[in-house]
């Protein structure tokens, strides 16, 4: 991987360069205020539970789990396919078998 690609991927994880070596080695506490301000704005406490979106989370996980959407999808595809077969081929053979 290229260094720029790795830097771009880790950009959201690694905090900005607020604490430079010159600020940390100077010994004055007032020069660390940008660092303290940055970390004081971060959320505190445990992370909130991520509610998964999408079809799987909505219908197949949790207390309201059901396979009904899958069954209806299969029946709908079967009905759609049979309708196309009937219109394209079967209705011509209704009264005249091969």
Protein backbone atom coordinates (compact mmCIF):
# COMPACT_ATOMS: atom_id res chain seq x y z
CA UNK A 1 0.00 0.00 0.00
CA UNK A 2 1.05 3.53 -0.59
CA UNK A 3 1.70 5.83 2.35
CA UNK A 4 -0.91 8.35 1.20
CA UNK A 5 -3.59 5.64 1.02
CA UNK A 6 -2.83 4.48 4.56
CA UNK A 7 -2.78 8.08 5.77
CA UNK A 8 -6.17 8.71 4.16
CA UNK A 9 -7.71 5.57 5.69
CA UNK A 10 -6.41 6.34 9.17
CA UNK A 11 -7.31 10.03 8.96
CA UNK A 12 -10.55 9.60 10.85
CA UNK A 13 -8.97 7.50 13.61
CA UNK A 14 -5.79 9.39 14.41
CA UNK A 15 -6.41 12.78 16.09
CA UNK A 16 -4.96 15.91 14.50
CA UNK A 17 -1.45 16.95 15.39
CA UNK A 18 -2.26 19.22 18.31
CA UNK A 19 0.39 17.90 20.68
CA UNK A 20 3.60 18.62 18.82
CA UNK A 21 6.91 17.65 20.45
CA UNK A 22 7.78 21.31 20.93
CA UNK A 23 4.61 21.91 22.96
CA UNK A 24 5.18 18.87 25.15
CA UNK A 25 8.84 19.47 25.92
CA UNK A 26 8.49 23.16 26.77
CA UNK A 27 7.13 22.33 30.22
CA UNK A 28 4.47 25.02 30.37
CA UNK A 29 0.97 23.82 31.06
CA UNK A 30 -0.68 26.70 29.22
CA UNK A 31 0.66 25.50 25.89
CA UNK A 32 -1.33 22.27 26.23
CA UNK A 33 -4.68 24.06 26.11
CA UNK A 34 -5.35 23.10 22.46
CA UNK A 35 -4.83 19.45 23.40
CA UNK A 36 -7.05 19.73 26.47
CA UNK A 37 -9.75 21.51 24.46
CA UNK A 38 -9.66 18.81 21.78
CA UNK A 39 -10.06 15.93 24.25
CA UNK A 40 -12.66 17.75 26.36
CA UNK A 41 -14.96 17.96 23.32
CA UNK A 42 -14.94 14.18 22.78
CA UNK A 43 -18.03 12.27 23.99
CA UNK A 44 -17.78 10.77 27.45
CA UNK A 45 -19.07 7.44 28.73
CA UNK A 46 -19.65 4.16 26.94
CA UNK A 47 -20.41 4.13 23.26
CA UNK A 48 -24.08 3.97 22.33
CA UNK A 49 -25.41 0.73 20.93
CA UNK A 50 -25.37 0.74 17.17
CA UNK A 51 -28.77 -0.06 15.77
CA UNK A 52 -28.25 -1.94 12.56
CA UNK A 53 -30.24 -0.85 9.61
CA UNK A 54 -31.18 -2.81 6.59
CA UNK A 55 -33.40 -5.71 5.79
CA UNK A 56 -31.61 -8.34 7.88
CA UNK A 57 -31.70 -6.25 11.05
CA UNK A 58 -35.30 -5.22 10.49
CA UNK A 59 -36.85 -8.60 9.76
CA UNK A 60 -34.54 -11.42 10.87
CA UNK A 61 -32.93 -10.16 14.11
CA UNK A 62 -34.47 -9.25 17.43
CA UNK A 63 -37.79 -9.93 19.09
CA UNK A 64 -39.85 -9.34 15.95
CA UNK A 65 -37.97 -11.86 13.80
CA UNK A 66 -39.93 -13.46 11.00
CA UNK A 67 -39.24 -15.21 7.71
CA UNK A 68 -42.43 -13.80 6.17
CA UNK A 69 -40.62 -11.26 3.94
CA UNK A 70 -38.48 -14.04 2.48
CA UNK A 71 -41.52 -16.23 1.81
CA UNK A 72 -43.42 -13.34 0.20
CA UNK A 73 -40.41 -12.48 -1.96
CA UNK A 74 -40.14 -16.07 -3.21
CA UNK A 75 -43.90 -16.24 -3.90
CA UNK A 76 -43.80 -12.88 -5.65
CA UNK A 77 -40.93 -13.96 -7.90
CA UNK A 78 -42.70 -17.22 -8.69
CA UNK A 79 -45.92 -15.36 -9.56
CA UNK A 80 -44.06 -12.85 -11.70
CA UNK A 81 -42.19 -15.61 -13.54
CA UNK A 82 -45.32 -17.67 -14.12
CA UNK A 83 -47.16 -14.61 -15.43
CA UNK A 84 -44.40 -13.93 -17.94
CA UNK A 85 -44.33 -17.61 -18.98
CA UNK A 86 -48.09 -17.63 -19.43
CA UNK A 87 -48.11 -14.45 -21.50
CA UNK A 88 -45.17 -15.47 -23.68
CA UNK A 89 -45.77 -19.18 -24.16
CA UNK A 90 -48.54 -20.94 -22.27
CA UNK A 91 -51.56 -18.92 -23.43
CA UNK A 92 -50.86 -19.94 -27.03
CA UNK A 93 -51.13 -23.62 -26.05
CA UNK A 94 -54.24 -23.33 -23.90
CA UNK A 95 -56.51 -24.89 -26.54
CA UNK A 96 -53.86 -26.35 -28.86
CA UNK A 97 -51.39 -28.74 -27.25
CA UNK A 98 -48.04 -29.43 -28.93
